[in-house]
Protein backbone atom coordinates (compact mmCIF):
# COMPACT_ATOMS: atom_id res chain seq x y z
CA MET A 1 -240.09 4.74 19.71
CA ARG A 2 -239.99 1.39 21.56
CA ILE A 3 -243.79 1.17 21.36
CA ALA A 4 -243.73 2.04 17.67
CA TRP A 5 -241.03 -0.60 17.07
CA ARG A 6 -243.07 -3.22 18.87
CA LEU A 7 -246.17 -2.34 16.88
CA GLY A 8 -244.16 -2.51 13.68
CA ALA A 9 -242.70 -5.88 14.66
CA LEU A 10 -246.14 -7.21 15.54
CA LEU A 11 -247.50 -6.02 12.21
CA ALA A 12 -244.66 -7.75 10.40
CA VAL A 13 -245.40 -11.01 12.20
CA LEU A 14 -249.09 -10.77 11.33
CA VAL A 15 -248.28 -10.11 7.68
CA ALA A 16 -245.95 -13.10 7.66
CA LEU A 17 -248.58 -15.33 9.25
CA VAL A 18 -251.22 -14.24 6.75
CA SER A 19 -248.86 -14.76 3.82
CA CYS A 20 -248.00 -18.25 5.08
CA ALA A 21 -251.57 -19.26 5.86
CA PRO A 22 -253.08 -21.74 3.42
CA ILE A 23 -255.34 -20.14 0.84
CA SER A 24 -258.49 -22.07 0.05
CA ARG A 25 -258.34 -23.24 -3.56
CA ASP A 26 -261.63 -25.09 -3.32
CA PRO A 27 -264.36 -22.49 -2.76
CA ALA A 28 -267.98 -23.48 -2.90
CA PRO A 29 -269.10 -23.41 -6.54
CA ARG A 30 -271.67 -20.94 -7.76
CA ALA A 31 -274.79 -22.19 -9.48
CA GLU A 32 -273.69 -20.54 -12.74
CA ASP A 33 -270.42 -22.52 -12.60
CA CYS A 34 -272.40 -25.76 -12.59
CA ARG A 35 -274.13 -25.36 -15.92
CA THR A 36 -273.69 -27.39 -19.09
CA ASP A 37 -271.39 -24.98 -20.92
CA ARG A 38 -268.93 -24.78 -18.00
CA LEU A 39 -268.69 -28.42 -16.94
CA ALA A 40 -265.68 -30.48 -17.99
CA THR A 41 -267.56 -33.68 -18.85
CA LEU A 42 -266.17 -36.58 -20.88
CA TYR A 43 -268.17 -35.43 -23.89
CA LYS A 44 -269.08 -31.79 -24.37
CA GLY A 45 -272.78 -31.20 -23.89
CA VAL A 46 -273.35 -34.73 -22.57
CA PHE A 47 -273.37 -36.05 -19.00
CA THR A 48 -272.36 -39.70 -18.72
CA PHE A 49 -273.68 -41.73 -15.80
CA GLY A 50 -272.40 -45.16 -14.92
CA THR A 51 -274.03 -48.01 -13.07
CA ASP A 52 -273.58 -51.73 -12.52
CA GLN A 53 -275.02 -54.53 -14.65
CA PRO A 54 -277.49 -55.87 -13.86
CA VAL A 55 -279.23 -53.28 -11.69
CA TYR A 56 -282.21 -53.97 -9.46
CA PRO A 57 -285.38 -52.42 -8.08
CA PRO A 58 -286.03 -50.17 -6.31
CA TRP A 59 -282.88 -48.39 -7.52
CA TYR A 60 -283.53 -49.13 -11.21
CA ILE A 61 -286.51 -50.74 -12.87
CA GLY A 62 -286.29 -53.34 -15.65
CA ASP A 63 -282.46 -53.30 -15.66
CA ASP A 64 -282.75 -50.14 -17.77
CA PRO A 65 -281.14 -47.09 -16.14
CA SER A 66 -282.15 -44.84 -19.04
CA ASN A 67 -285.90 -45.09 -18.40
CA GLY A 68 -285.83 -42.72 -15.41
CA GLU A 69 -287.62 -45.28 -13.23
CA GLY A 70 -286.24 -46.32 -9.85
CA PHE A 71 -284.69 -44.13 -7.17
CA GLU A 72 -281.15 -43.81 -8.56
CA SER A 73 -282.25 -43.51 -12.18
CA ALA A 74 -284.70 -40.74 -11.25
CA LEU A 75 -282.02 -39.08 -9.11
CA ALA A 76 -279.51 -39.15 -11.96
CA TYR A 77 -281.92 -37.34 -14.27
CA ALA A 78 -282.79 -34.85 -11.52
CA VAL A 79 -279.08 -34.08 -11.02
CA ALA A 80 -278.53 -33.72 -14.75
CA ALA A 81 -281.58 -31.48 -15.20
CA ARG A 82 -280.46 -29.19 -12.37
CA MET A 83 -277.17 -28.70 -14.27
CA GLY A 84 -278.97 -27.95 -17.52
CA TYR A 85 -278.88 -31.31 -19.31
CA SER A 86 -281.99 -32.62 -21.04
CA GLY A 87 -282.89 -36.29 -20.90
CA GLU A 88 -281.48 -36.73 -24.41
CA GLU A 89 -278.14 -35.32 -23.23
CA VAL A 90 -277.75 -38.02 -20.56
CA ARG A 91 -275.66 -41.06 -21.52
CA TRP A 92 -275.34 -44.34 -19.61
CA VAL A 93 -272.49 -46.86 -19.42
CA ARG A 94 -272.28 -50.12 -17.48
CA VAL A 95 -269.33 -50.55 -15.12
CA PRO A 96 -268.79 -53.43 -12.64
CA PHE A 97 -269.17 -52.34 -9.02
CA SER A 98 -265.55 -53.00 -8.02
CA GLU A 99 -264.17 -51.40 -11.19
CA ALA A 100 -266.08 -48.18 -10.54
CA LEU A 101 -264.36 -47.91 -7.14
CA ALA A 102 -260.86 -48.65 -8.44
CA ALA A 103 -258.26 -45.92 -8.89
CA GLY A 104 -257.69 -44.44 -12.32
CA PRO A 105 -259.59 -42.89 -15.23
CA LYS A 106 -263.32 -43.56 -15.55
CA SER A 107 -265.64 -44.16 -18.48
CA PHE A 108 -268.30 -42.08 -16.71
CA ASP A 109 -268.70 -38.59 -15.28
CA ALA A 110 -270.61 -39.88 -12.24
CA ASN A 111 -271.81 -43.28 -11.06
CA LEU A 112 -274.83 -44.33 -8.98
CA SER A 113 -274.69 -47.97 -7.82
CA GLN A 114 -275.50 -47.78 -4.11
CA PHE A 115 -271.92 -46.89 -3.19
CA SER A 116 -271.49 -46.44 0.55
CA ILE A 117 -269.11 -43.63 1.47
CA THR A 118 -266.04 -44.90 3.35
CA ASP A 119 -262.62 -43.41 4.10
CA GLN A 120 -260.95 -46.33 2.34
CA ARG A 121 -262.87 -45.66 -0.85
CA ARG A 122 -262.29 -41.90 -0.59
CA ALA A 123 -258.58 -42.60 -1.07
CA LEU A 124 -259.32 -43.87 -4.58
CA VAL A 125 -262.40 -41.97 -5.80
CA ASP A 126 -264.46 -38.86 -5.06
CA PHE A 127 -267.92 -38.96 -3.49
CA SER A 128 -270.67 -36.40 -3.75
CA SER A 129 -272.64 -35.26 -0.74
CA PRO A 130 -274.65 -38.23 0.56
CA TYR A 131 -278.08 -38.78 -0.95
CA PHE A 132 -279.39 -41.68 1.14
CA ASP A 133 -278.91 -43.03 4.68
CA VAL A 134 -278.52 -46.78 4.56
CA THR A 135 -279.72 -49.59 6.79
CA GLN A 136 -278.50 -53.14 6.19
CA ALA A 137 -281.06 -55.94 6.34
CA VAL A 138 -281.44 -59.70 6.11
CA VAL A 139 -283.84 -61.44 3.72
CA THR A 140 -284.61 -65.14 3.28
CA VAL A 141 -287.30 -67.64 2.23
CA LYS A 142 -289.98 -69.27 4.39
CA SER A 143 -288.30 -72.70 4.34
CA SER A 144 -284.99 -71.35 5.69
CA PRO A 145 -284.09 -71.46 9.41
CA ALA A 146 -283.34 -67.75 9.07
CA ALA A 147 -287.07 -67.06 8.66
CA GLN A 148 -287.53 -67.55 12.41
CA ALA A 149 -284.63 -65.32 13.45
CA THR A 150 -285.42 -62.36 15.69
CA SER A 151 -281.91 -61.48 16.87
CA LEU A 152 -278.33 -61.30 15.66
CA GLU A 153 -277.56 -64.32 17.84
CA ASP A 154 -280.06 -66.36 15.83
CA LEU A 155 -278.10 -65.60 12.64
CA LYS A 156 -274.58 -66.35 13.87
CA SER A 157 -274.59 -70.03 12.93
CA LEU A 158 -276.39 -69.57 9.59
CA ARG A 159 -274.93 -69.35 6.09
CA LEU A 160 -275.17 -65.77 4.79
CA GLY A 161 -274.71 -64.57 1.23
CA THR A 162 -273.85 -61.08 -0.03
CA GLN A 163 -272.43 -59.20 -3.03
CA VAL A 164 -268.66 -58.86 -3.26
CA GLY A 165 -267.04 -55.55 -2.36
CA THR A 166 -270.08 -54.09 -0.62
CA THR A 167 -270.69 -52.84 2.91
CA SER A 168 -273.32 -55.59 3.11
CA TYR A 169 -270.38 -58.01 3.05
CA THR A 170 -268.82 -56.16 5.98
CA ALA A 171 -272.12 -56.37 7.87
CA ALA A 172 -272.42 -60.10 7.16
CA MET A 173 -268.86 -60.71 8.36
CA SER A 174 -269.60 -58.91 11.61
CA MET A 175 -272.39 -61.33 12.49
CA GLY A 176 -270.50 -64.60 12.62
CA SER A 177 -267.73 -66.80 11.31
CA ALA A 178 -266.13 -65.79 8.01
CA SER A 179 -266.45 -69.41 6.88
CA LEU A 180 -270.25 -68.99 6.92
CA VAL A 181 -270.30 -65.96 4.57
CA GLU A 182 -270.56 -66.67 0.85
CA VAL A 183 -269.66 -63.91 -1.61
CA TYR A 184 -271.29 -63.47 -5.02
CA HIS A 185 -270.59 -61.22 -7.99
CA THR A 186 -274.18 -59.99 -8.15
CA THR A 187 -277.34 -60.03 -6.06
CA SER A 188 -278.90 -62.25 -8.75
CA ASP A 189 -276.25 -64.89 -8.02
CA ALA A 190 -277.02 -64.65 -4.30
CA LYS A 191 -280.77 -65.00 -4.94
CA LEU A 192 -280.16 -68.15 -6.98
CA ALA A 193 -278.02 -69.58 -4.17
CA LEU A 194 -280.78 -68.82 -1.66
CA ARG A 195 -283.43 -70.48 -3.82
CA GLU A 196 -281.27 -73.57 -4.17
CA GLY A 197 -280.57 -73.79 -0.44
CA GLU A 198 -276.83 -73.07 -0.70
CA ILE A 199 -277.22 -70.24 1.80
CA ASP A 200 -279.77 -69.47 4.51
CA ALA A 201 -280.18 -65.72 3.97
CA ILE A 202 -278.94 -62.69 2.05
CA VAL A 203 -277.56 -59.49 3.57
CA ALA A 204 -278.27 -56.35 1.52
CA ASP A 205 -279.23 -52.71 1.97
CA LEU A 206 -282.83 -52.42 3.15
CA PRO A 207 -284.52 -51.31 -0.10
CA THR A 208 -282.69 -54.02 -2.06
CA ALA A 209 -283.66 -56.58 0.59
CA PHE A 210 -287.33 -55.59 0.19
CA ALA A 211 -287.01 -56.00 -3.57
CA VAL A 212 -285.44 -59.45 -3.14
CA ALA A 213 -288.24 -60.49 -0.76
CA ASP A 214 -290.80 -59.45 -3.38
CA GLU A 215 -289.02 -61.08 -6.33
CA ILE A 216 -288.10 -64.44 -4.84
CA ARG A 217 -290.73 -67.12 -4.21
CA ASP A 218 -291.77 -67.25 -0.54
CA GLY A 219 -289.44 -64.36 0.25
CA VAL A 220 -289.33 -63.15 3.84
CA MET A 221 -287.91 -59.95 5.31
CA VAL A 222 -286.06 -61.09 8.45
CA GLY A 223 -285.19 -57.61 9.74
CA GLN A 224 -282.84 -54.66 9.86
CA LEU A 225 -279.39 -54.71 11.38
CA PRO A 226 -278.89 -52.13 14.14
CA ALA A 227 -276.69 -49.12 13.39
CA THR A 228 -275.04 -46.71 15.81
CA GLU A 229 -275.91 -43.02 15.56
CA ASP A 230 -272.25 -42.04 15.19
CA ASP A 231 -271.68 -44.50 12.33
CA VAL A 232 -274.47 -43.84 9.85
CA GLU A 233 -273.87 -45.49 6.48
CA GLN A 234 -274.64 -43.23 3.52
CA PHE A 235 -274.72 -43.58 -0.26
CA GLY A 236 -272.87 -41.06 -2.42
CA ILE A 237 -272.38 -40.54 -6.15
CA VAL A 238 -268.92 -41.71 -7.27
CA LEU A 239 -266.64 -39.62 -9.48
CA HIS A 240 -262.99 -40.09 -10.37
CA LYS A 241 -260.47 -38.84 -7.84
CA ASP A 242 -260.17 -35.03 -7.82
CA SER A 243 -262.83 -34.71 -10.51
CA PRO A 244 -263.62 -31.10 -11.46
CA LEU A 245 -267.28 -32.13 -11.37
CA THR A 246 -267.41 -33.28 -7.73
CA ARG A 247 -268.20 -29.90 -6.17
CA CYS A 248 -271.00 -29.20 -8.63
CA VAL A 249 -272.57 -32.64 -8.23
CA SER A 250 -272.44 -32.19 -4.46
CA LEU A 251 -273.98 -28.73 -4.74
CA VAL A 252 -276.86 -30.16 -6.76
CA VAL A 253 -277.42 -33.06 -4.34
CA ASP A 254 -277.51 -30.57 -1.47
CA GLU A 255 -280.05 -28.46 -3.35
CA LEU A 256 -282.22 -31.50 -4.07
CA ARG A 257 -282.20 -32.35 -0.39
CA ALA A 258 -283.00 -28.78 0.68
CA ASP A 259 -285.94 -28.32 -1.69
CA GLY A 260 -287.51 -31.68 -0.83
CA THR A 261 -286.77 -33.45 -4.13
CA LEU A 262 -284.77 -36.24 -2.45
CA ALA A 263 -287.58 -36.86 0.01
CA GLN A 264 -290.09 -36.94 -2.85
CA LEU A 265 -287.99 -39.48 -4.77
CA GLN A 266 -287.66 -41.63 -1.66
CA ASN A 267 -291.42 -41.55 -1.11
CA THR A 268 -291.96 -42.56 -4.74
CA TRP A 269 -289.42 -45.36 -5.03
CA LEU A 270 -288.40 -46.40 -1.51
CA ALA A 271 -291.71 -46.22 0.34
CA ASP A 272 -291.29 -49.66 1.92
CA ALA A 273 -287.87 -48.89 3.41
CA GLY A 274 -288.03 -48.95 7.21
CA LYS A 275 -291.06 -51.27 7.46
CA ALA A 276 -289.01 -54.14 8.84
CA PRO A 277 -288.38 -55.37 12.38
CA MET A 278 -285.12 -54.39 14.04
CA LEU A 279 -282.89 -57.32 14.92
CA THR A 280 -281.44 -57.00 18.41
């Protein structure tokens, strides 16, 4: 009887523990749950993507996100197609970078504007699975003292420019005095400042830095900033906090990575990324 009582008591404890254990309310979505007729988008039958204005190569071409050209434009249409949306069912809106990362309702279902995934941002918005590993880089013009830099030490006393609210700003701040870092609303503003000699170099993600070097007269790629293996910066698609679409967008990004589509898009639009010296 004592053995039976102990077994009964143990069973009761186990039942209690199971009943008190948290039940997952966020199971992995099924592919059929991520189709057009089941997705709670802003407009039924339409998927709305957001991006900044202006946008730049190689992420977008011709400041026209709807043409499907450029890495993020092509990725947006690949994500939409995988969920059953045709090109005609994709809608674009322009949203300033900082506004897209602010808390509150969004005018888009998902946004691609080279948003680096950080814990601070996760408190305000959702991120999809990462779609690109980022390296920060420095770009300048031949007449600038930054053109001769081969190390981080060489850059410490120089005037650096970067876009407001970006991880490029954080990288620039880490290299020297805050008084030497100028912040601009857009990369275009920073390019103008560089051309006019107001700054010595621009800090941007590597593909953007390559685009700046190609677009600006006498542009020079100075080099990549070193990154630690345990602190890899990654881009993710932004959605509003607790969006019902986040799991499906992440599922699709994971599928695009697994079947080689992401690699193919990178080879098409970001082929130059990585061909830059590493600053020590």
